[in-house]
Amino acid sequence: MKPMHSTHILRAFIKRQTATRIAWLATALFIAGCAAGGNSDVGGYFMTPGLNDTRTQAIVVGMTPAQVMAAIGKPHQRVRFGNLNATAWDYRYTDTWGY
């Protein structure tokens, strides 16, 4: 095995340092986005307009994604869980219990 040359070590350090800076920048942008809230209704969170318990109860197992979007609109965000082969759709609204 050949010993690493000093330029290889320096390049590895710079790559690591750049990755760390990118991670910090992404974190800062995420926090700033959360703080900004966009079109906020409750507690600084964007709320899906017109969404309530009655509309969400219309969602049943077996509906297609198009049927769900037609019933309650586009989700605030989608999160893919590859290990479960599933995608979670996030909707923000205040239910009748105030949550």
N, C-alpha and C. Protein backbone atom coordinates (compact mmCIF):
# COMPACT_ATOMS: atom_id res chain seq x y z
N MET A 1 0.85 -1.19 0.00
CA MET A 1 0.00 0.00 0.00
C MET A 1 0.88 1.24 0.00
N LYS A 2 0.56 2.17 -0.91
CA LYS A 2 1.34 3.40 -1.01
C LYS A 2 0.92 4.38 0.08
N PRO A 3 1.89 5.09 0.65
CA PRO A 3 1.52 6.13 1.62
C PRO A 3 0.83 7.29 0.90
N MET A 4 -0.10 7.94 1.60
CA MET A 4 -0.83 9.06 1.00
C MET A 4 0.08 10.27 0.89
N HIS A 5 0.03 10.90 -0.24
CA HIS A 5 0.78 12.12 -0.47
C HIS A 5 0.09 13.27 0.24
N SER A 6 0.83 14.28 0.60
CA SER A 6 0.25 15.40 1.36
C SER A 6 -0.86 16.11 0.59
N THR A 7 -0.79 16.14 -0.76
CA THR A 7 -1.86 16.79 -1.52
C THR A 7 -3.15 15.99 -1.43
N HIS A 8 -3.05 14.64 -1.34
CA HIS A 8 -4.24 13.81 -1.17
C HIS A 8 -4.90 14.09 0.18
N ILE A 9 -4.09 14.23 1.19
CA ILE A 9 -4.61 14.53 2.53
C ILE A 9 -5.28 15.90 2.52
N LEU A 10 -4.64 16.88 1.87
CA LEU A 10 -5.20 18.23 1.80
C LEU A 10 -6.52 18.23 1.04
N ARG A 11 -6.59 17.51 -0.08
CA ARG A 11 -7.84 17.43 -0.83
C ARG A 11 -8.95 16.80 0.00
N ALA A 12 -8.64 15.73 0.72
CA ALA A 12 -9.63 15.07 1.58
C ALA A 12 -10.11 16.03 2.65
N PHE A 13 -9.19 16.81 3.22
CA PHE A 13 -9.56 17.78 4.26
C PHE A 13 -10.49 18.85 3.68
N ILE A 14 -10.14 19.36 2.47
CA ILE A 14 -10.95 20.41 1.85
C ILE A 14 -12.34 19.87 1.52
N LYS A 15 -12.43 18.63 1.01
CA LYS A 15 -13.74 18.04 0.73
C LYS A 15 -14.57 17.93 2.00
N ARG A 16 -13.94 17.48 3.07
CA ARG A 16 -14.65 17.34 4.34
C ARG A 16 -15.11 18.70 4.85
N GLN A 17 -14.22 19.69 4.76
CA GLN A 17 -14.55 21.03 5.22
C GLN A 17 -15.70 21.61 4.39
N THR A 18 -15.68 21.40 3.07
CA THR A 18 -16.75 21.88 2.20
C THR A 18 -18.07 21.20 2.54
N ALA A 19 -18.03 19.89 2.76
CA ALA A 19 -19.25 19.16 3.12
C ALA A 19 -19.82 19.68 4.44
N THR A 20 -18.95 19.97 5.38
CA THR A 20 -19.40 20.51 6.68
C THR A 20 -20.06 21.87 6.49
N ARG A 21 -19.47 22.71 5.67
CA ARG A 21 -20.05 24.04 5.42
C ARG A 21 -21.41 23.93 4.73
N ILE A 22 -21.51 23.02 3.78
CA ILE A 22 -22.78 22.82 3.08
C ILE A 22 -23.85 22.33 4.06
N ALA A 23 -23.46 21.42 4.95
CA ALA A 23 -24.42 20.92 5.95
C ALA A 23 -24.89 22.05 6.87
N TRP A 24 -23.98 22.91 7.31
CA TRP A 24 -24.37 24.03 8.16
C TRP A 24 -25.26 25.01 7.41
N LEU A 25 -24.95 25.25 6.14
CA LEU A 25 -25.77 26.16 5.34
C LEU A 25 -27.18 25.59 5.16
N ALA A 26 -27.26 24.31 4.86
CA ALA A 26 -28.57 23.67 4.70
C ALA A 26 -29.38 23.76 5.99
N THR A 27 -28.73 23.53 7.12
CA THR A 27 -29.40 23.63 8.42
C THR A 27 -29.90 25.05 8.67
N ALA A 28 -29.05 26.03 8.38
CA ALA A 28 -29.45 27.42 8.59
C ALA A 28 -30.63 27.81 7.70
N LEU A 29 -30.60 27.37 6.44
CA LEU A 29 -31.71 27.67 5.53
C LEU A 29 -32.99 27.00 5.98
N PHE A 30 -32.88 25.77 6.47
CA PHE A 30 -34.06 25.06 6.98
C PHE A 30 -34.67 25.80 8.16
N ILE A 31 -33.83 26.21 9.10
CA ILE A 31 -34.31 26.93 10.29
C ILE A 31 -34.93 28.26 9.88
N ALA A 32 -34.29 28.96 8.95
CA ALA A 32 -34.83 30.24 8.50
C ALA A 32 -36.18 30.04 7.81
N GLY A 33 -36.31 28.97 7.04
CA GLY A 33 -37.58 28.68 6.38
C GLY A 33 -38.67 28.39 7.38
N CYS A 34 -38.32 27.67 8.44
CA CYS A 34 -39.31 27.37 9.48
C CYS A 34 -39.73 28.64 10.21
N ALA A 35 -38.76 29.51 10.45
CA ALA A 35 -39.07 30.75 11.17
C ALA A 35 -39.91 31.69 10.32
N ALA A 36 -39.66 31.69 9.01
CA ALA A 36 -40.39 32.60 8.13
C ALA A 36 -41.87 32.23 8.06
N GLY A 37 -42.15 30.95 7.95
CA GLY A 37 -43.53 30.48 8.00
C GLY A 37 -44.36 30.71 6.75
N GLY A 38 -43.96 31.58 5.87
CA GLY A 38 -44.74 31.79 4.65
C GLY A 38 -46.14 32.30 4.96
N ASN A 39 -47.16 31.69 4.40
CA ASN A 39 -48.56 32.06 4.65
C ASN A 39 -48.99 31.41 5.95
N SER A 40 -48.72 32.04 7.06
CA SER A 40 -49.00 31.38 8.33
C SER A 40 -50.39 31.71 8.83
N ASP A 41 -50.97 30.73 9.47
CA ASP A 41 -52.26 30.91 10.11
C ASP A 41 -52.13 30.70 11.61
N VAL A 42 -51.48 29.61 11.99
CA VAL A 42 -51.41 29.24 13.40
C VAL A 42 -49.97 28.95 13.77
N GLY A 43 -49.46 29.64 14.76
CA GLY A 43 -48.13 29.36 15.28
C GLY A 43 -47.01 29.50 14.26
N GLY A 44 -47.20 30.28 13.22
CA GLY A 44 -46.15 30.47 12.24
C GLY A 44 -46.04 29.36 11.21
N TYR A 45 -46.95 28.39 11.23
CA TYR A 45 -46.93 27.30 10.26
C TYR A 45 -47.89 27.58 9.12
N PHE A 46 -47.48 27.19 7.92
CA PHE A 46 -48.39 27.26 6.78
C PHE A 46 -49.50 26.25 7.01
N MET A 47 -50.73 26.66 6.86
CA MET A 47 -51.86 25.77 7.04
C MET A 47 -52.52 25.53 5.69
N THR A 48 -52.94 24.29 5.43
CA THR A 48 -53.62 23.97 4.19
C THR A 48 -55.00 24.63 4.22
N PRO A 49 -55.28 25.57 3.30
CA PRO A 49 -56.54 26.31 3.34
C PRO A 49 -57.76 25.39 3.16
N GLY A 50 -58.77 25.60 3.99
CA GLY A 50 -60.03 24.88 3.86
C GLY A 50 -60.02 23.44 4.32
N LEU A 51 -58.90 22.98 4.86
CA LEU A 51 -58.83 21.58 5.30
C LEU A 51 -59.36 21.47 6.72
N ASN A 52 -60.24 20.49 6.94
CA ASN A 52 -60.82 20.27 8.26
C ASN A 52 -61.09 18.78 8.46
N ASP A 53 -61.59 18.41 9.63
CA ASP A 53 -61.84 17.00 9.94
C ASP A 53 -62.82 16.35 8.98
N THR A 54 -63.84 17.07 8.58
CA THR A 54 -64.85 16.50 7.67
C THR A 54 -64.21 16.10 6.35
N ARG A 55 -63.37 16.97 5.81
CA ARG A 55 -62.72 16.66 4.53
C ARG A 55 -61.72 15.52 4.67
N THR A 56 -60.97 15.47 5.78
CA THR A 56 -59.98 14.39 5.93
C THR A 56 -60.64 13.04 6.16
N GLN A 57 -61.84 13.03 6.73
CA GLN A 57 -62.54 11.76 6.96
C GLN A 57 -63.04 11.14 5.66
N ALA A 58 -63.01 11.91 4.58
CA ALA A 58 -63.42 11.38 3.27
C ALA A 58 -62.33 10.50 2.66
N ILE A 59 -61.12 10.53 3.24
CA ILE A 59 -60.01 9.73 2.72
C ILE A 59 -60.15 8.31 3.24
N VAL A 60 -60.13 7.33 2.32
CA VAL A 60 -60.27 5.93 2.70
C VAL A 60 -59.14 5.11 2.06
N VAL A 61 -58.85 3.98 2.65
CA VAL A 61 -57.82 3.08 2.14
C VAL A 61 -58.18 2.65 0.72
N GLY A 62 -57.20 2.66 -0.15
CA GLY A 62 -57.43 2.24 -1.52
C GLY A 62 -57.58 3.38 -2.52
N MET A 63 -57.68 4.62 -2.01
CA MET A 63 -57.80 5.75 -2.93
C MET A 63 -56.47 5.96 -3.63
N THR A 64 -56.52 6.42 -4.87
CA THR A 64 -55.31 6.73 -5.61
C THR A 64 -54.79 8.10 -5.15
N PRO A 65 -53.51 8.37 -5.39
CA PRO A 65 -53.00 9.70 -5.05
C PRO A 65 -53.80 10.82 -5.71
N ALA A 66 -54.24 10.62 -6.94
CA ALA A 66 -55.04 11.64 -7.63
C ALA A 66 -56.37 11.87 -6.92
N GLN A 67 -56.99 10.80 -6.43
CA GLN A 67 -58.26 10.93 -5.71
C GLN A 67 -58.06 11.69 -4.38
N VAL A 68 -56.95 11.39 -3.71
CA VAL A 68 -56.67 12.08 -2.44
C VAL A 68 -56.46 13.57 -2.70
N MET A 69 -55.66 13.90 -3.71
CA MET A 69 -55.42 15.31 -4.02
C MET A 69 -56.69 16.02 -4.46
N ALA A 70 -57.57 15.31 -5.16
CA ALA A 70 -58.85 15.92 -5.56
C ALA A 70 -59.72 16.18 -4.34
N ALA A 71 -59.62 15.32 -3.33
CA ALA A 71 -60.46 15.46 -2.13
C ALA A 71 -59.95 16.53 -1.17
N ILE A 72 -58.63 16.56 -0.93
CA ILE A 72 -58.12 17.48 0.10
C ILE A 72 -56.99 18.38 -0.37
N GLY A 73 -56.61 18.30 -1.63
CA GLY A 73 -55.59 19.20 -2.16
C GLY A 73 -54.19 18.63 -2.11
N LYS A 74 -53.27 19.44 -2.57
CA LYS A 74 -51.86 19.06 -2.65
C LYS A 74 -51.25 19.06 -1.25
N PRO A 75 -50.42 18.06 -0.92
CA PRO A 75 -49.81 18.04 0.41
C PRO A 75 -48.77 19.14 0.58
N HIS A 76 -48.56 19.54 1.83
CA HIS A 76 -47.55 20.54 2.14
C HIS A 76 -46.17 20.01 1.76
N GLN A 77 -45.92 18.74 2.09
CA GLN A 77 -44.67 18.10 1.69
C GLN A 77 -44.88 16.60 1.60
N ARG A 78 -43.98 15.96 0.88
CA ARG A 78 -43.99 14.50 0.75
C ARG A 78 -42.64 13.99 1.22
N VAL A 79 -42.66 12.93 2.03
CA VAL A 79 -41.42 12.33 2.53
C VAL A 79 -41.40 10.87 2.13
N ARG A 80 -40.34 10.47 1.44
CA ARG A 80 -40.21 9.09 0.95
C ARG A 80 -39.44 8.27 1.96
N PHE A 81 -39.98 7.11 2.33
CA PHE A 81 -39.33 6.14 3.20
C PHE A 81 -39.01 4.91 2.36
N GLY A 82 -37.80 4.89 1.79
CA GLY A 82 -37.41 3.85 0.86
C GLY A 82 -37.41 2.46 1.48
N ASN A 83 -36.97 2.36 2.76
CA ASN A 83 -36.91 1.05 3.40
C ASN A 83 -38.31 0.47 3.64
N LEU A 84 -39.33 1.30 3.69
CA LEU A 84 -40.70 0.83 3.87
C LEU A 84 -41.48 0.82 2.56
N ASN A 85 -40.83 1.32 1.50
CA ASN A 85 -41.49 1.46 0.21
C ASN A 85 -42.80 2.25 0.35
N ALA A 86 -42.69 3.38 1.05
CA ALA A 86 -43.88 4.20 1.34
C ALA A 86 -43.53 5.68 1.23
N THR A 87 -44.54 6.48 0.98
CA THR A 87 -44.39 7.93 0.94
C THR A 87 -45.44 8.55 1.86
N ALA A 88 -44.99 9.41 2.77
CA ALA A 88 -45.90 10.10 3.68
C ALA A 88 -46.24 11.47 3.10
N TRP A 89 -47.50 11.83 3.14
CA TRP A 89 -47.95 13.14 2.71
C TRP A 89 -48.29 13.95 3.95
N ASP A 90 -47.76 15.16 4.02
CA ASP A 90 -47.94 16.01 5.19
C ASP A 90 -48.91 17.14 4.86
N TYR A 91 -50.01 17.19 5.62
CA TYR A 91 -50.99 18.28 5.52
C TYR A 91 -51.03 18.97 6.87
N ARG A 92 -51.09 20.28 6.87
CA ARG A 92 -51.15 21.02 8.13
C ARG A 92 -52.50 21.73 8.24
N TYR A 93 -53.19 21.39 9.29
CA TYR A 93 -54.47 22.04 9.57
C TYR A 93 -54.76 21.88 11.05
N THR A 94 -55.71 22.64 11.57
CA THR A 94 -56.10 22.54 12.96
C THR A 94 -57.36 21.68 13.03
N ASP A 95 -57.28 20.58 13.78
CA ASP A 95 -58.44 19.70 13.90
C ASP A 95 -59.41 20.23 14.95
N THR A 96 -60.54 19.54 15.16
CA THR A 96 -61.55 20.03 16.10
C THR A 96 -61.06 20.03 17.54
N TRP A 97 -59.98 19.30 17.84
CA TRP A 97 -59.41 19.28 19.18
C TRP A 97 -58.42 20.43 19.38
N GLY A 98 -58.13 21.19 18.31
CA GLY A 98 -57.22 22.32 18.42
C GLY A 98 -55.77 21.95 18.18
N TYR A 99 -55.52 20.80 17.59
CA TYR A 99 -54.14 20.39 17.31
C TYR A 99 -53.82 20.55 15.85
